[in-house]
Amino acid sequence: MDLIEFLSEFQLEAGEKLDLIASQLLRLERDTSDLQPVREMFLAAHTIKGGAAMMRLTEVEALAHAVEDLLSAIRDQQQPMDAAAADLLFQAIDRLRALIADASAASVGAEPDADLLAFAAGLRAGATAPAPSGPRRAIVVDDSPTVRALHKMLLEDAGYSVDVYADGHTAVTRAMAERLDLVVASVQSEALGGFELASALRHTDIAVVLTSTDPTADMSRRATAAGAKALVRKGSLRDSDLQSVLG
């Protein structure tokens, strides 16, 4: 049996498991006290994850694993099964269905992209992640050491604990690994620009503010479309502006 035949069988079985998850999720929405649907959804997600791992469909495996983790938290009553959690799970089902339908020989071993990993991180954080203790945490991304230092100073004056980086890839990695409140990134950053970074983090609860030396109306529209909270001129971060961005 060749790879394409294996892949076809996986797609068929995974599609059936996704249908099961969707039906059990609807059942659970009608009665959140009954945890049997959660257990069935968990087993279905686990089956998809295992099949994807065997096929080396790393994107499917990563997302199915995140779904499994969220369902495990709900099953163990560490995470409430509320409307926000249900919405996350429905989004995950849609994304898994698309990934599985589009899977091909070229998908084998492909590295998950930043947007997928950020969404998976949001699933693991849960729909109602606990509020962080201590100071608010922020990352500054800019290829200019001078601008990084200036924005760090402004954010620290506003009460943030701040780390600075020259490229957006590091910011996305940090955002997936730990709790952050804010990312301030230049649209001209190297490696991963601000617009791409905002898009990668749009499924998380991290606020993204983009900066530019010459912000324009077109840039503001692009920033909003990418998921950023605001576009401001470099060096113009004020506490009042941040309060309005973060609510």
C-alpha atoms as a PDB file:
ATOM      1  CA  MET A   1       0.000   0.000   0.000  1.00  0.00           C
ATOM      2  CA  ASP A   2       1.578   3.330  -1.042  1.00  0.00           C
ATOM      3  CA  LEU A   3       1.534   6.704   0.721  1.00  0.00           C
ATOM      4  CA  ILE A   4      -1.440   8.045  -1.247  1.00  0.00           C
ATOM      5  CA  GLU A   5      -3.555   5.037  -0.291  1.00  0.00           C
ATOM      6  CA  PHE A   6      -2.545   5.387   3.368  1.00  0.00           C
ATOM      7  CA  LEU A   7      -3.358   9.087   3.173  1.00  0.00           C
ATOM      8  CA  SER A   8      -6.772   8.428   1.668  1.00  0.00           C
ATOM      9  CA  GLU A   9      -7.628   6.001   4.472  1.00  0.00           C
ATOM     10  CA  PHE A  10      -6.438   8.499   7.103  1.00  0.00           C
ATOM     11  CA  GLN A  11      -8.534  11.291   5.577  1.00  0.00           C
ATOM     12  CA  LEU A  12     -11.627   9.087   5.600  1.00  0.00           C
ATOM     13  CA  GLU A  13     -11.183   7.980   9.231  1.00  0.00           C
ATOM     14  CA  ALA A  14     -10.208  11.471  10.438  1.00  0.00           C
ATOM     15  CA  GLY A  15     -13.265  12.954   8.724  1.00  0.00           C
ATOM     16  CA  GLU A  16     -15.492  10.509  10.580  1.00  0.00           C
ATOM     17  CA  LYS A  17     -13.808  11.403  13.886  1.00  0.00           C
ATOM     18  CA  LEU A  18     -14.319  15.111  13.225  1.00  0.00           C
ATOM     19  CA  ASP A  19     -18.002  14.475  12.528  1.00  0.00           C
ATOM     20  CA  LEU A  20     -18.183  12.643  15.854  1.00  0.00           C
ATOM     21  CA  ILE A  21     -16.496  15.537  17.687  1.00  0.00           C
ATOM     22  CA  ALA A  22     -18.894  18.045  16.127  1.00  0.00           C
ATOM     23  CA  SER A  23     -21.983  15.995  17.007  1.00  0.00           C
ATOM     24  CA  GLN A  24     -20.811  15.394  20.579  1.00  0.00           C
ATOM     25  CA  LEU A  25     -19.996  19.075  20.972  1.00  0.00           C
ATOM     26  CA  LEU A  26     -23.566  19.957  20.013  1.00  0.00           C
ATOM     27  CA  ARG A  27     -24.800  17.366  22.496  1.00  0.00           C
ATOM     28  CA  LEU A  28     -22.560  18.829  25.194  1.00  0.00           C
ATOM     29  CA  GLU A  29     -23.846  22.348  24.564  1.00  0.00           C
ATOM     30  CA  ARG A  30     -27.340  21.099  25.452  1.00  0.00           C
ATOM     31  CA  ASP A  31     -26.151  19.581  28.755  1.00  0.00           C
ATOM     32  CA  THR A  32     -22.750  20.713  30.038  1.00  0.00           C
ATOM     33  CA  SER A  33     -23.081  18.545  33.155  1.00  0.00           C
ATOM     34  CA  ASP A  34     -22.759  15.341  31.094  1.00  0.00           C
ATOM     35  CA  LEU A  35     -19.038  14.689  30.554  1.00  0.00           C
ATOM     36  CA  GLN A  36     -19.472  11.539  28.446  1.00  0.00           C
ATOM     37  CA  PRO A  37     -19.378  13.584  25.191  1.00  0.00           C
ATOM     38  CA  VAL A  38     -16.089  15.117  26.353  1.00  0.00           C
ATOM     39  CA  ARG A  39     -14.550  11.686  26.812  1.00  0.00           C
ATOM     40  CA  GLU A  40     -15.731  10.608  23.355  1.00  0.00           C
ATOM     41  CA  MET A  41     -14.379  13.799  21.774  1.00  0.00           C
ATOM     42  CA  PHE A  42     -11.064  13.305  23.567  1.00  0.00           C
ATOM     43  CA  LEU A  43     -10.703   9.763  22.208  1.00  0.00           C
ATOM     44  CA  ALA A  44     -11.570  10.972  18.696  1.00  0.00           C
ATOM     45  CA  ALA A  45      -8.979  13.773  18.869  1.00  0.00           C
ATOM     46  CA  HIS A  46      -6.431  11.283  20.216  1.00  0.00           C
ATOM     47  CA  THR A  47      -7.103   8.970  17.264  1.00  0.00           C
ATOM     48  CA  ILE A  48      -6.621  11.813  14.781  1.00  0.00           C
ATOM     49  CA  LYS A  49      -3.402  12.849  16.508  1.00  0.00           C
ATOM     50  CA  GLY A  50      -2.034   9.309  16.439  1.00  0.00           C
ATOM     51  CA  GLY A  51      -2.898   8.799  12.773  1.00  0.00           C
ATOM     52  CA  ALA A  52      -1.373  12.142  11.837  1.00  0.00           C
ATOM     53  CA  ALA A  53       1.808  11.309  13.753  1.00  0.00           C
ATOM     54  CA  MET A  54       2.097   8.007  11.900  1.00  0.00           C
ATOM     55  CA  MET A  55       1.641   9.795   8.567  1.00  0.00           C
ATOM     56  CA  ARG A  56       4.002  12.624   9.664  1.00  0.00           C
ATOM     57  CA  LEU A  57       1.293  15.200   9.008  1.00  0.00           C
ATOM     58  CA  THR A  58       2.815  17.509  11.580  1.00  0.00           C
ATOM     59  CA  GLU A  59       0.310  20.358  11.202  1.00  0.00           C
ATOM     60  CA  VAL A  60      -2.653  18.055  11.804  1.00  0.00           C
ATOM     61  CA  GLU A  61      -0.841  16.381  14.681  1.00  0.00           C
ATOM     62  CA  ALA A  62      -0.030  19.722  16.375  1.00  0.00           C
ATOM     63  CA  LEU A  63      -3.602  21.004  16.167  1.00  0.00           C
ATOM     64  CA  ALA A  64      -5.217  17.696  17.174  1.00  0.00           C
ATOM     65  CA  HIS A  65      -2.854  17.559  20.163  1.00  0.00           C
ATOM     66  CA  ALA A  66      -3.978  21.039  21.246  1.00  0.00           C
ATOM     67  CA  VAL A  67      -7.642  20.002  20.918  1.00  0.00           C
ATOM     68  CA  GLU A  68      -6.860  16.922  23.007  1.00  0.00           C
ATOM     69  CA  ASP A  69      -5.238  19.098  25.697  1.00  0.00           C
ATOM     70  CA  LEU A  70      -8.244  21.439  25.909  1.00  0.00           C
ATOM     71  CA  LEU A  71     -10.674  18.511  26.092  1.00  0.00           C
ATOM     72  CA  SER A  72      -8.516  16.910  28.778  1.00  0.00           C
ATOM     73  CA  ALA A  73      -8.744  20.095  30.861  1.00  0.00           C
ATOM     74  CA  ILE A  74     -12.549  20.160  30.415  1.00  0.00           C
ATOM     75  CA  ARG A  75     -12.824  16.456  31.258  1.00  0.00           C
ATOM     76  CA  ASP A  76     -10.765  16.944  34.436  1.00  0.00           C
ATOM     77  CA  GLN A  77     -12.851  20.026  35.326  1.00  0.00           C
ATOM     78  CA  GLN A  78      -9.834  22.306  35.193  1.00  0.00           C
ATOM     79  CA  GLN A  79     -11.514  24.286  32.405  1.00  0.00           C
ATOM     80  CA  PRO A  80     -15.224  25.138  32.239  1.00  0.00           C
ATOM     81  CA  MET A  81     -17.205  24.001  29.235  1.00  0.00           C
ATOM     82  CA  ASP A  82     -18.683  27.368  28.317  1.00  0.00           C
ATOM     83  CA  ALA A  83     -19.608  29.210  25.114  1.00  0.00           C
ATOM     84  CA  ALA A  84     -16.064  30.484  24.608  1.00  0.00           C
ATOM     85  CA  ALA A  85     -14.601  26.976  24.890  1.00  0.00           C
ATOM     86  CA  ALA A  86     -17.213  25.636  22.479  1.00  0.00           C
ATOM     87  CA  ASP A  87     -16.380  28.382  19.980  1.00  0.00           C
ATOM     88  CA  LEU A  88     -12.672  27.487  20.166  1.00  0.00           C
ATOM     89  CA  LEU A  89     -13.469  23.833  19.560  1.00  0.00           C
ATOM     90  CA  PHE A  90     -15.722  24.578  16.578  1.00  0.00           C
ATOM     91  CA  GLN A  91     -12.941  26.738  15.082  1.00  0.00           C
ATOM     92  CA  ALA A  92     -10.458  23.914  15.652  1.00  0.00           C
ATOM     93  CA  ILE A  93     -12.767  21.398  13.952  1.00  0.00           C
ATOM     94  CA  ASP A  94     -13.036  23.651  10.891  1.00  0.00           C
ATOM     95  CA  ARG A  95      -9.264  24.134  10.718  1.00  0.00           C
ATOM     96  CA  LEU A  96      -8.572  20.422  11.159  1.00  0.00           C
ATOM     97  CA  ARG A  97     -11.087  19.549   8.476  1.00  0.00           C
ATOM     98  CA  ALA A  98      -9.403  21.921   6.021  1.00  0.00           C
ATOM     99  CA  LEU A  99      -5.902  20.663   6.868  1.00  0.00           C
ATOM    100  CA  ILE A 100      -6.949  17.039   6.475  1.00  0.00           C
ATOM    101  CA  ALA A 101      -8.804  17.667   3.203  1.00  0.00           C
ATOM    102  CA  ASP A 102      -5.764  19.486   1.767  1.00  0.00           C
ATOM    103  CA  ALA A 103      -3.227  16.898   2.965  1.00  0.00           C
ATOM    104  CA  SER A 104      -0.986  15.479   0.261  1.00  0.00           C
ATOM    105  CA  ALA A 105       2.445  13.950  -0.130  1.00  0.00           C
ATOM    106  CA  ALA A 106       3.831  17.492   0.103  1.00  0.00           C
ATOM    107  CA  SER A 107       2.272  17.876   3.577  1.00  0.00           C
ATOM    108  CA  VAL A 108       4.356  15.045   5.044  1.00  0.00           C
ATOM    109  CA  GLY A 109       6.903  16.483   7.465  1.00  0.00           C
ATOM    110  CA  ALA A 110       5.870  20.085   6.773  1.00  0.00           C
ATOM    111  CA  GLU A 111       6.531  22.432   9.702  1.00  0.00           C
ATOM    112  CA  PRO A 112       3.392  24.053  11.166  1.00  0.00           C
ATOM    113  CA  ASP A 113       3.228  27.766  10.370  1.00  0.00           C
ATOM    114  CA  ALA A 114       3.195  30.501  13.005  1.00  0.00           C
ATOM    115  CA  ASP A 115      -0.548  31.133  12.681  1.00  0.00           C
ATOM    116  CA  LEU A 116      -1.389  27.484  13.328  1.00  0.00           C
ATOM    117  CA  LEU A 117       0.965  27.275  16.298  1.00  0.00           C
ATOM    118  CA  ALA A 118      -0.462  30.468  17.783  1.00  0.00           C
ATOM    119  CA  PHE A 119      -4.007  29.107  17.424  1.00  0.00           C
ATOM    120  CA  ALA A 120      -2.926  25.834  19.068  1.00  0.00           C
ATOM    121  CA  ALA A 121      -1.400  27.843  21.923  1.00  0.00           C
ATOM    122  CA  GLY A 122      -4.710  29.665  22.328  1.00  0.00           C
ATOM    123  CA  LEU A 123      -6.520  26.332  22.595  1.00  0.00           C
ATOM    124  CA  ARG A 124      -4.151  25.169  25.303  1.00  0.00           C
ATOM    125  CA  ALA A 125      -4.548  28.435  27.189  1.00  0.00           C
ATOM    126  CA  GLY A 126      -8.284  27.744  27.208  1.00  0.00           C
ATOM    127  CA  ALA A 127     -11.207  30.051  26.742  1.00  0.00           C
ATOM    128  CA  THR A 128     -10.946  31.454  30.245  1.00  0.00           C
ATOM    129  CA  ALA A 129      -7.247  31.512  31.100  1.00  0.00           C
ATOM    130  CA  PRO A 130      -6.560  32.766  34.650  1.00  0.00           C
ATOM    131  CA  ALA A 131      -5.508  36.354  35.028  1.00  0.00           C
ATOM    132  CA  PRO A 132      -1.741  36.698  35.399  1.00  0.00           C
ATOM    133  CA  SER A 133      -0.235  37.836  38.680  1.00  0.00           C
ATOM    134  CA  GLY A 134       2.493  40.456  38.952  1.00  0.00           C
ATOM    135  CA  PRO A 135       3.273  43.176  36.405  1.00  0.00           C
ATOM    136  CA  ARG A 136       1.867  43.144  32.901  1.00  0.00           C
ATOM    137  CA  ARG A 137       4.286  41.588  30.428  1.00  0.00           C
ATOM    138  CA  ALA A 138       5.291  42.943  27.047  1.00  0.00           C
ATOM    139  CA  ILE A 139       7.663  42.283  24.167  1.00  0.00           C
ATOM    140  CA  VAL A 140       9.133  44.935  21.895  1.00  0.00           C
ATOM    141  CA  VAL A 141      10.165  43.886  18.369  1.00  0.00           C
ATOM    142  CA  ASP A 142      12.234  46.293  16.293  1.00  0.00           C
ATOM    143  CA  ASP A 143      15.446  45.999  14.296  1.00  0.00           C
ATOM    144  CA  SER A 144      16.717  49.306  15.721  1.00  0.00           C
ATOM    145  CA  PRO A 145      18.474  49.056  19.118  1.00  0.00           C
ATOM    146  CA  THR A 146      17.630  52.709  19.753  1.00  0.00           C
ATOM    147  CA  VAL A 147      13.914  52.205  19.169  1.00  0.00           C
ATOM    148  CA  ARG A 148      13.916  49.014  21.247  1.00  0.00           C
ATOM    149  CA  ALA A 149      15.479  50.884  24.157  1.00  0.00           C
ATOM    150  CA  LEU A 150      13.039  53.794  23.816  1.00  0.00           C
ATOM    151  CA  HIS A 151       9.941  51.593  23.689  1.00  0.00           C
ATOM    152  CA  LYS A 152      11.238  49.484  26.575  1.00  0.00           C
ATOM    153  CA  MET A 153      11.624  52.631  28.678  1.00  0.00           C
ATOM    154  CA  LEU A 154       8.143  53.907  27.758  1.00  0.00           C
ATOM    155  CA  LEU A 155       6.506  50.562  28.537  1.00  0.00           C
ATOM    156  CA  GLU A 156       8.363  50.148  31.822  1.00  0.00           C
ATOM    157  CA  ASP A 157       7.190  53.632  32.809  1.00  0.00           C
ATOM    158  CA  ALA A 158       3.649  52.371  32.105  1.00  0.00           C
ATOM    159  CA  GLY A 159       4.149  49.435  34.488  1.00  0.00           C
ATOM    160  CA  TYR A 160       5.163  46.633  32.107  1.00  0.00           C
ATOM    161  CA  SER A 161       7.871  44.026  32.463  1.00  0.00           C
ATOM    162  CA  VAL A 162       9.571  44.216  29.052  1.00  0.00           C
ATOM    163  CA  ASP A 163      11.824  42.056  26.875  1.00  0.00           C
ATOM    164  CA  VAL A 164      13.160  43.281  23.534  1.00  0.00           C
ATOM    165  CA  TYR A 165      13.977  41.397  20.323  1.00  0.00           C
ATOM    166  CA  ALA A 166      15.146  42.229  16.827  1.00  0.00           C
ATOM    167  CA  ASP A 167      12.853  39.851  14.926  1.00  0.00           C
ATOM    168  CA  GLY A 168       9.258  38.716  15.030  1.00  0.00           C
ATOM    169  CA  HIS A 169       9.948  34.974  14.960  1.00  0.00           C
ATOM    170  CA  THR A 170      11.259  35.173  18.515  1.00  0.00           C
ATOM    171  CA  ALA A 171       8.171  37.092  19.609  1.00  0.00           C
ATOM    172  CA  VAL A 172       5.845  34.407  18.218  1.00  0.00           C
ATOM    173  CA  THR A 173       7.881  31.670  19.918  1.00  0.00           C
ATOM    174  CA  ARG A 174       7.729  33.511  23.246  1.00  0.00           C
ATOM    175  CA  ALA A 175       4.019  34.179  22.861  1.00  0.00           C
ATOM    176  CA  MET A 176       3.359  30.464  22.423  1.00  0.00           C
ATOM    177  CA  ALA A 177       5.540  29.526  25.387  1.00  0.00           C
ATOM    178  CA  GLU A 178       4.327  31.883  28.107  1.00  0.00           C
ATOM    179  CA  ARG A 179       1.722  34.400  29.152  1.00  0.00           C
ATOM    180  CA  LEU A 180       2.058  37.858  27.583  1.00  0.00           C
ATOM    181  CA  ASP A 181      -0.203  40.906  27.609  1.00  0.00           C
ATOM    182  CA  LEU A 182       1.252  42.994  24.812  1.00  0.00           C
ATOM    183  CA  VAL A 183       3.521  42.837  21.766  1.00  0.00           C
ATOM    184  CA  VAL A 184       4.748  46.096  20.247  1.00  0.00           C
ATOM    185  CA  ALA A 185       6.267  45.435  16.829  1.00  0.00           C
ATOM    186  CA  SER A 186       7.569  47.510  13.959  1.00  0.00           C
ATOM    187  CA  VAL A 187       5.960  46.953  10.576  1.00  0.00           C
ATOM    188  CA  GLN A 188       9.506  47.046   9.187  1.00  0.00           C
ATOM    189  CA  SER A 189      10.952  44.346  11.484  1.00  0.00           C
ATOM    190  CA  GLU A 190      13.318  41.859   9.887  1.00  0.00           C
ATOM    191  CA  ALA A 191      12.521  38.144   9.396  1.00  0.00           C
ATOM    192  CA  LEU A 192       8.857  38.481  10.420  1.00  0.00           C
ATOM    193  CA  GLY A 193       7.302  41.904   9.952  1.00  0.00           C
ATOM    194  CA  GLY A 194       4.673  43.477  12.160  1.00  0.00           C
ATOM    195  CA  PHE A 195       1.714  42.741   9.881  1.00  0.00           C
ATOM    196  CA  GLU A 196       2.650  39.049   9.659  1.00  0.00           C
ATOM    197  CA  LEU A 197       3.302  38.909  13.415  1.00  0.00           C
ATOM    198  CA  ALA A 198      -0.122  40.414  14.187  1.00  0.00           C
ATOM    199  CA  SER A 199      -1.768  37.860  11.897  1.00  0.00           C
ATOM    200  CA  ALA A 200       0.102  35.001  13.606  1.00  0.00           C
ATOM    201  CA  LEU A 201      -1.098  36.132  17.049  1.00  0.00           C
ATOM    202  CA  ARG A 202      -4.661  37.085  16.137  1.00  0.00           C
ATOM    203  CA  HIS A 203      -6.127  33.897  17.653  1.00  0.00           C
ATOM    204  CA  THR A 204      -4.517  34.569  21.050  1.00  0.00           C
ATOM    205  CA  ASP A 205      -5.540  37.065  23.743  1.00  0.00           C
ATOM    206  CA  ILE A 206      -2.292  39.024  23.321  1.00  0.00           C
ATOM    207  CA  ALA A 207      -2.759  42.633  22.252  1.00  0.00           C
ATOM    208  CA  VAL A 208      -0.554  43.635  19.318  1.00  0.00           C
ATOM    209  CA  VAL A 209       0.364  47.270  18.655  1.00  0.00           C
ATOM    210  CA  LEU A 210       2.247  48.001  15.441  1.00  0.00           C
ATOM    211  CA  THR A 211       4.615  50.931  15.004  1.00  0.00           C
ATOM    212  CA  SER A 212       5.968  52.790  11.994  1.00  0.00           C
ATOM    213  CA  THR A 213       8.196  55.776  11.371  1.00  0.00           C
ATOM    214  CA  ASP A 214       5.535  57.073   8.976  1.00  0.00           C
ATOM    215  CA  PRO A 215       2.108  55.566   9.767  1.00  0.00           C
ATOM    216  CA  THR A 216      -0.469  56.086   7.029  1.00  0.00           C
ATOM    217  CA  ALA A 217      -4.192  55.462   6.682  1.00  0.00           C
ATOM    218  CA  ASP A 218      -3.456  52.483   4.412  1.00  0.00           C
ATOM    219  CA  MET A 219      -1.079  51.036   7.024  1.00  0.00           C
ATOM    220  CA  SER A 220      -3.754  51.481   9.707  1.00  0.00           C
ATOM    221  CA  ARG A 221      -6.235  49.531   7.597  1.00  0.00           C
ATOM    222  CA  ARG A 222      -3.684  46.773   7.012  1.00  0.00           C
ATOM    223  CA  ALA A 223      -2.888  46.663  10.739  1.00  0.00           C
ATOM    224  CA  THR A 224      -6.553  46.290  11.659  1.00  0.00           C
ATOM    225  CA  ALA A 225      -7.073  43.627   8.994  1.00  0.00           C
ATOM    226  CA  ALA A 226      -4.077  41.694  10.356  1.00  0.00           C
ATOM    227  CA  GLY A 227      -5.533  41.714  13.873  1.00  0.00           C
ATOM    228  CA  ALA A 228      -3.518  44.529  15.485  1.00  0.00           C
ATOM    229  CA  LYS A 229      -5.167  46.741  18.082  1.00  0.00           C
ATOM    230  CA  ALA A 230      -3.537  49.916  16.797  1.00  0.00           C
ATOM    231  CA  LEU A 231      -0.840  51.435  14.586  1.00  0.00           C
ATOM    232  CA  VAL A 232       1.159  54.260  16.185  1.00  0.00           C
ATOM    233  CA  ARG A 233       4.200  56.317  15.348  1.00  0.00           C
ATOM    234  CA  LYS A 234       7.468  54.994  16.776  1.00  0.00           C
ATOM    235  CA  GLY A 235       8.284  56.665  20.082  1.00  0.00           C
ATOM    236  CA  SER A 236       4.639  57.657  20.672  1.00  0.00           C
ATOM    237  CA  LEU A 237       3.589  54.918  23.092  1.00  0.00           C
ATOM    238  CA  ARG A 238       1.721  56.593  25.921  1.00  0.00           C
ATOM    239  CA  ASP A 239       0.092  54.958  28.928  1.00  0.00           C
ATOM    240  CA  SER A 240      -3.286  56.452  28.001  1.00  0.00           C
ATOM    241  CA  ASP A 241      -3.020  54.912  24.519  1.00  0.00           C
ATOM    242  CA  LEU A 242      -2.094  51.513  25.956  1.00  0.00           C
ATOM    243  CA  GLN A 243      -5.002  51.634  28.401  1.00  0.00           C
ATOM    244  CA  SER A 244      -7.399  52.223  25.512  1.00  0.00           C
ATOM    245  CA  VAL A 245      -5.812  49.370  23.516  1.00  0.00           C
ATOM    246  CA  LEU A 246      -5.943  46.876  26.365  1.00  0.00           C
ATOM    247  CA  GLY A 247      -9.338  47.944  27.659  1.00  0.00           C
END
